[in-house]
Protein backbone atom coordinates (compact mmCIF):
# COMPACT_ATOMS: atom_id res chain seq x y z
CA MET A 1 -40.26 24.25 28.16
CA GLN A 2 -38.89 25.32 31.52
CA LYS A 3 -35.58 27.17 31.45
CA PRO A 4 -33.51 24.49 33.28
CA ALA A 5 -34.76 21.82 30.88
CA LYS A 6 -34.04 24.06 27.88
CA LYS A 7 -30.51 24.72 29.11
CA ALA A 8 -29.94 21.01 29.63
CA LEU A 9 -31.16 20.28 26.10
CA LEU A 10 -28.90 22.95 24.61
CA LEU A 11 -25.95 21.53 26.56
CA ILE A 12 -26.63 18.04 25.23
CA VAL A 13 -26.88 19.34 21.67
CA ALA A 14 -23.64 21.29 22.08
CA LEU A 15 -21.86 18.18 23.38
CA LEU A 16 -23.15 16.05 20.52
CA VAL A 17 -21.95 18.59 17.96
CA SER A 18 -18.60 19.35 19.55
CA ALA A 19 -17.56 15.84 20.65
CA PRO A 20 -16.58 14.59 17.16
CA LEU A 21 -14.67 17.82 16.50
CA ILE A 22 -12.81 17.51 19.81
CA MET A 23 -11.94 13.89 19.06
CA GLU A 24 -10.79 14.83 15.56
CA ALA A 25 -8.48 17.50 16.96
CA TYR A 26 -7.17 15.08 19.59
CA THR A 27 -6.38 12.30 17.10
CA ARG A 28 -4.61 14.61 14.64
CA TRP A 29 -2.41 16.33 17.22
CA SER A 30 0.83 14.60 18.09
CA PRO A 31 3.38 16.12 20.44
CA ALA A 32 6.96 16.05 19.21
CA PHE A 33 8.74 13.01 20.57
CA SER A 34 12.09 11.33 20.14
CA ALA A 35 12.52 7.66 19.21
CA ASP A 36 15.39 5.40 18.31
CA MET A 37 16.06 5.31 14.59
CA PRO A 38 16.71 2.15 12.53
CA ALA A 39 20.45 1.59 12.18
CA PRO A 40 21.28 -0.34 9.01
CA LYS A 41 24.84 -1.56 8.49
CA SER A 42 27.10 0.71 6.46
CA SER A 43 27.30 -1.97 3.75
CA THR A 44 23.52 -2.22 3.31
CA LYS A 45 22.21 -1.19 -0.07
CA HIS A 46 18.95 -3.19 -0.05
CA LEU A 47 16.98 -2.56 3.14
CA ILE A 48 13.67 -4.03 4.27
CA LEU A 49 11.92 -2.18 7.10
CA LEU A 50 9.09 -4.08 8.79
CA PHE A 51 6.53 -2.07 10.81
CA HIS A 52 4.17 -3.74 13.30
CA GLY A 53 0.68 -2.52 14.14
CA SER A 54 -0.84 -1.13 17.34
CA GLY A 55 0.14 -3.30 20.29
CA GLY A 56 2.01 -5.61 17.93
CA LYS A 57 5.69 -5.23 18.76
CA ASP A 58 5.84 -8.88 19.90
CA ASN A 59 3.18 -10.20 17.53
CA PRO A 60 4.21 -13.80 16.66
CA ALA A 61 3.07 -13.29 13.07
CA ILE A 62 5.42 -10.31 12.67
CA LEU A 63 8.31 -12.14 14.35
CA GLN A 64 7.88 -15.09 12.01
CA LEU A 65 7.70 -12.80 8.99
CA GLU A 66 10.93 -11.12 10.08
CA GLN A 67 12.63 -14.51 10.26
CA ALA A 68 11.28 -15.58 6.87
CA LEU A 69 12.46 -12.36 5.24
CA SER A 70 15.91 -12.72 6.78
CA GLU A 71 16.19 -16.29 5.47
CA LYS A 72 15.14 -15.23 1.99
CA LEU A 73 17.63 -12.37 1.74
CA THR A 74 21.11 -13.84 1.39
CA ALA A 75 23.11 -11.04 -0.25
CA ASN A 76 25.74 -9.41 1.96
CA ASP A 77 24.43 -5.95 1.11
CA SER A 78 20.82 -6.81 2.10
CA GLU A 79 19.29 -6.40 5.55
CA VAL A 80 15.95 -6.78 7.33
CA ILE A 81 15.08 -4.55 10.29
CA ARG A 82 11.89 -5.01 12.32
CA TYR A 83 11.33 -1.49 13.56
CA VAL A 84 9.65 -1.28 16.97
CA TRP A 85 7.71 1.96 17.16
CA SER A 86 5.88 1.13 20.36
CA PRO A 87 4.69 2.91 22.50
CA TRP A 88 3.85 5.48 19.81
CA SER A 89 1.93 2.81 17.89
CA ASP A 90 -0.16 1.60 20.78
CA GLY A 91 -2.65 4.43 21.21
CA ARG A 92 -4.97 3.58 18.34
CA LEU A 93 -6.54 7.05 18.22
CA ARG A 94 -3.17 8.69 17.55
CA ALA A 95 -1.35 5.90 15.72
CA SER A 96 -1.92 7.51 12.33
CA THR A 97 -0.57 10.90 13.41
CA ASN A 98 2.35 9.40 15.29
CA GLY A 99 3.16 7.12 12.36
CA LEU A 100 3.30 10.00 9.91
CA TYR A 101 5.48 12.04 12.26
CA LEU A 102 7.84 9.17 12.93
CA GLY A 103 7.97 8.13 9.28
CA GLU A 104 9.20 11.57 8.30
CA LYS A 105 11.97 11.34 10.90
CA ILE A 106 13.03 7.87 9.72
CA GLY A 107 13.20 8.97 6.09
CA ALA A 108 15.40 11.93 6.96
CA HIS A 109 17.60 9.68 9.09
CA LEU A 110 18.09 7.16 6.27
CA ALA A 111 18.94 9.83 3.71
CA ASN A 112 22.41 9.61 2.17
CA GLN A 113 23.28 6.28 3.84
CA ASP A 114 24.03 4.64 0.49
CA ILE A 115 20.75 2.70 0.48
CA ARG A 116 19.65 2.16 -3.10
CA GLU A 117 16.60 -0.10 -2.63
CA LEU A 118 14.09 0.24 0.19
CA HIS A 119 11.24 -2.19 0.83
CA LEU A 120 8.74 -0.94 3.42
CA ILE A 121 6.30 -3.47 4.91
CA GLY A 122 3.52 -2.37 7.25
CA HIS A 123 0.84 -4.37 9.06
CA SER A 124 -2.32 -2.71 10.35
CA ALA A 125 -1.42 0.72 11.79
CA GLY A 126 2.14 0.11 10.60
CA ALA A 127 0.81 1.17 7.21
CA TRP A 128 1.07 4.80 8.31
CA LEU A 129 4.86 4.91 8.14
CA PRO A 130 5.87 3.78 4.61
CA ASP A 131 4.65 6.76 2.57
CA ALA A 132 6.01 9.22 5.13
CA VAL A 133 9.39 7.45 5.11
CA CYS A 134 9.42 7.43 1.32
CA ALA A 135 8.51 11.09 0.90
CA SER A 136 11.05 12.24 3.48
CA LEU A 137 13.83 10.05 2.07
CA ARG A 138 13.28 11.40 -1.42
CA LYS A 139 13.23 14.92 -0.09
CA TYR A 140 16.59 14.67 1.65
CA ASN A 141 18.47 11.99 -0.30
CA SER A 142 20.94 13.16 -2.91
CA GLU A 143 20.62 9.97 -5.01
CA PRO A 144 17.49 8.20 -6.28
CA VAL A 145 16.22 5.28 -4.20
CA LYS A 146 13.88 2.63 -5.56
CA VAL A 147 10.99 2.08 -3.13
CA ARG A 148 8.65 -0.89 -2.86
CA MET A 149 5.81 -1.05 -0.32
CA THR A 150 3.84 -4.01 1.00
CA PHE A 151 0.71 -3.34 3.06
CA LEU A 152 -0.70 -6.20 5.14
CA ASP A 153 -4.35 -5.54 6.05
CA PRO A 154 -3.58 -1.84 6.45
CA ILE A 155 -5.74 0.30 8.69
CA GLY A 156 -6.39 3.61 6.99
CA ILE A 157 -8.45 5.70 9.40
CA LYS A 158 -6.90 9.14 9.63
CA GLY A 159 -7.92 11.13 12.62
CA PHE A 160 -11.34 10.31 14.02
CA LEU A 161 -13.58 10.79 11.00
CA ASP A 162 -11.71 10.00 7.77
CA PHE A 163 -12.14 6.24 7.28
CA ASP A 164 -11.12 6.28 3.60
CA TRP A 165 -7.80 8.14 3.72
CA GLY A 166 -5.64 5.03 3.65
CA SER A 167 -7.53 3.27 0.89
CA GLN A 168 -7.17 6.35 -1.30
CA ASN A 169 -3.57 7.29 -0.52
CA PHE A 170 -1.42 4.44 0.81
CA GLY A 171 1.30 3.50 -1.67
CA GLY A 172 1.27 6.70 -3.66
CA CYS A 173 4.97 7.46 -3.05
CA ALA A 174 6.24 4.00 -4.02
CA ASP A 175 7.65 2.87 -7.35
CA PHE A 176 5.62 -0.28 -6.71
CA ALA A 177 3.06 -0.90 -3.98
CA GLU A 178 1.08 -4.02 -3.13
CA ALA A 179 -1.53 -4.80 -0.50
CA ILE A 180 -2.71 -8.11 0.89
CA ILE A 181 -6.15 -7.64 2.35
CA ASN A 182 -8.85 -9.55 4.18
CA THR A 183 -12.22 -7.86 3.72
CA ASN A 184 -14.43 -9.55 6.32
CA ASP A 185 -12.62 -8.97 9.61
CA ASN A 186 -14.05 -6.69 12.27
CA VAL A 187 -11.20 -4.18 12.32
CA PRO A 188 -12.54 -0.89 10.91
CA GLY A 189 -10.69 0.83 8.09
CA THR A 190 -9.03 -2.36 6.76
CA ASN A 191 -11.58 -3.84 4.39
CA GLU A 192 -11.17 -1.75 1.25
CA PRO A 193 -8.60 -2.27 -1.53
CA LEU A 194 -5.96 0.41 -1.94
CA GLN A 195 -6.36 2.66 -4.96
CA ARG A 196 -2.61 3.27 -5.28
CA ALA A 197 -1.46 -0.32 -4.86
CA PHE A 198 -1.96 -3.69 -6.52
CA ASN A 199 -4.25 -5.69 -4.22
CA ILE A 200 -4.35 -9.39 -3.41
CA ASP A 201 -7.62 -10.34 -1.69
CA VAL A 202 -7.18 -13.44 0.49
CA THR A 203 -10.59 -13.30 2.17
CA GLU A 204 -11.90 -16.54 0.68
CA LEU A 205 -8.92 -18.67 1.67
CA PRO A 206 -9.45 -21.06 4.60
CA HIS A 207 -7.62 -20.22 7.80
CA ASP A 208 -8.05 -20.61 11.54
CA MET A 209 -6.68 -17.36 12.85
CA SER A 210 -7.64 -13.73 13.29
CA GLY A 211 -8.79 -12.29 9.99
CA HIS A 212 -6.72 -9.19 10.65
CA GLU A 213 -3.52 -11.23 11.07
CA TRP A 214 -4.25 -13.65 8.26
CA PRO A 215 -2.65 -11.43 5.54
CA VAL A 216 0.62 -11.44 7.54
CA TRP A 217 0.67 -15.24 7.74
CA TYR A 218 -0.31 -15.49 4.08
CA TYR A 219 2.57 -13.25 3.04
CA THR A 220 4.99 -15.26 5.17
CA GLN A 221 3.77 -18.57 3.74
CA THR A 222 4.01 -17.42 0.15
CA LEU A 223 7.44 -15.79 0.39
CA ASN A 224 9.19 -18.83 -1.07
CA GLY A 225 7.18 -18.52 -4.25
CA MET A 226 6.96 -14.75 -4.23
CA SER A 227 9.51 -12.41 -5.69
CA LEU A 228 10.92 -9.60 -3.59
CA SER A 229 12.39 -8.08 -6.73
CA MET A 230 12.49 -4.32 -6.83
CA ASP A 231 11.67 -4.58 -10.53
CA ALA A 232 7.97 -5.28 -9.89
CA ASN A 233 5.90 -2.65 -11.68
CA HIS A 234 2.39 -1.34 -12.15
CA PHE A 235 2.34 -2.00 -15.88
CA THR A 236 1.69 -5.67 -15.21
CA MET A 237 0.07 -5.19 -11.78
CA PRO A 238 -1.93 -1.95 -12.03
CA ARG A 239 -2.62 0.33 -9.11
CA GLY A 240 -6.12 -0.24 -7.77
CA ALA A 241 -6.52 -3.65 -9.36
CA VAL A 242 -7.71 -6.54 -7.17
CA ALA A 243 -6.66 -10.15 -7.66
CA LYS A 244 -8.40 -12.78 -5.54
CA ASP A 245 -6.39 -15.73 -4.31
CA VAL A 246 -8.79 -18.61 -3.68
CA THR A 247 -6.38 -21.49 -4.22
CA THR A 248 -3.62 -21.37 -1.61
CA SER A 249 -4.21 -23.49 1.48
CA ALA A 250 -3.54 -22.05 4.90
CA ASP A 251 -2.06 -25.36 6.05
């Protein structure tokens, strides 16, 4: 082999080997940034934080879910906040890293604000914030806070190479965690049940929308018959278990 051709081949091999490592470093590095923090009322003791996915700050499904949650919560000390974390959510390659960074900041911010019950709901890449919020809140809060998490078709790709991180870890910080999943959409990293949450698989239900958004609509539609109680537990709904809903109509 002539020397120029050999050098070209070695360069190609080096690029093929180094490219995934470069992308992994890029996706796991997040520069420090400042963002507005959620501002619950001083009287709020039961707080629901709703996190949209990448590019989803104005997602109609999330807006409708926010409205449905607000209508269901009637107590004066309860509040729903749809937290807009765009533009930090919108770069899909760094959404996981940015979500973890921002979640830690939110948890520290909420510490010692007299919140006693916290329900964290994340769709798609919004799933990266709840555990970080929970861990930070418990680190800095002087009083115990009961934490429930709801994951709606969560995307769990950490960095560039770890496709299974979310399915193995999401929900671990919560007193109770649940996931509503659709397993046949084309969004990578969203089709596996969560090992640390109770899973509801809605894949077989008829619907006429994006498979990735279907779990959000499903959750909204079933809120009237679904309890938001903070007393839900993993004794009756074990972590890692999967229940298939094949009966509810999407109409």
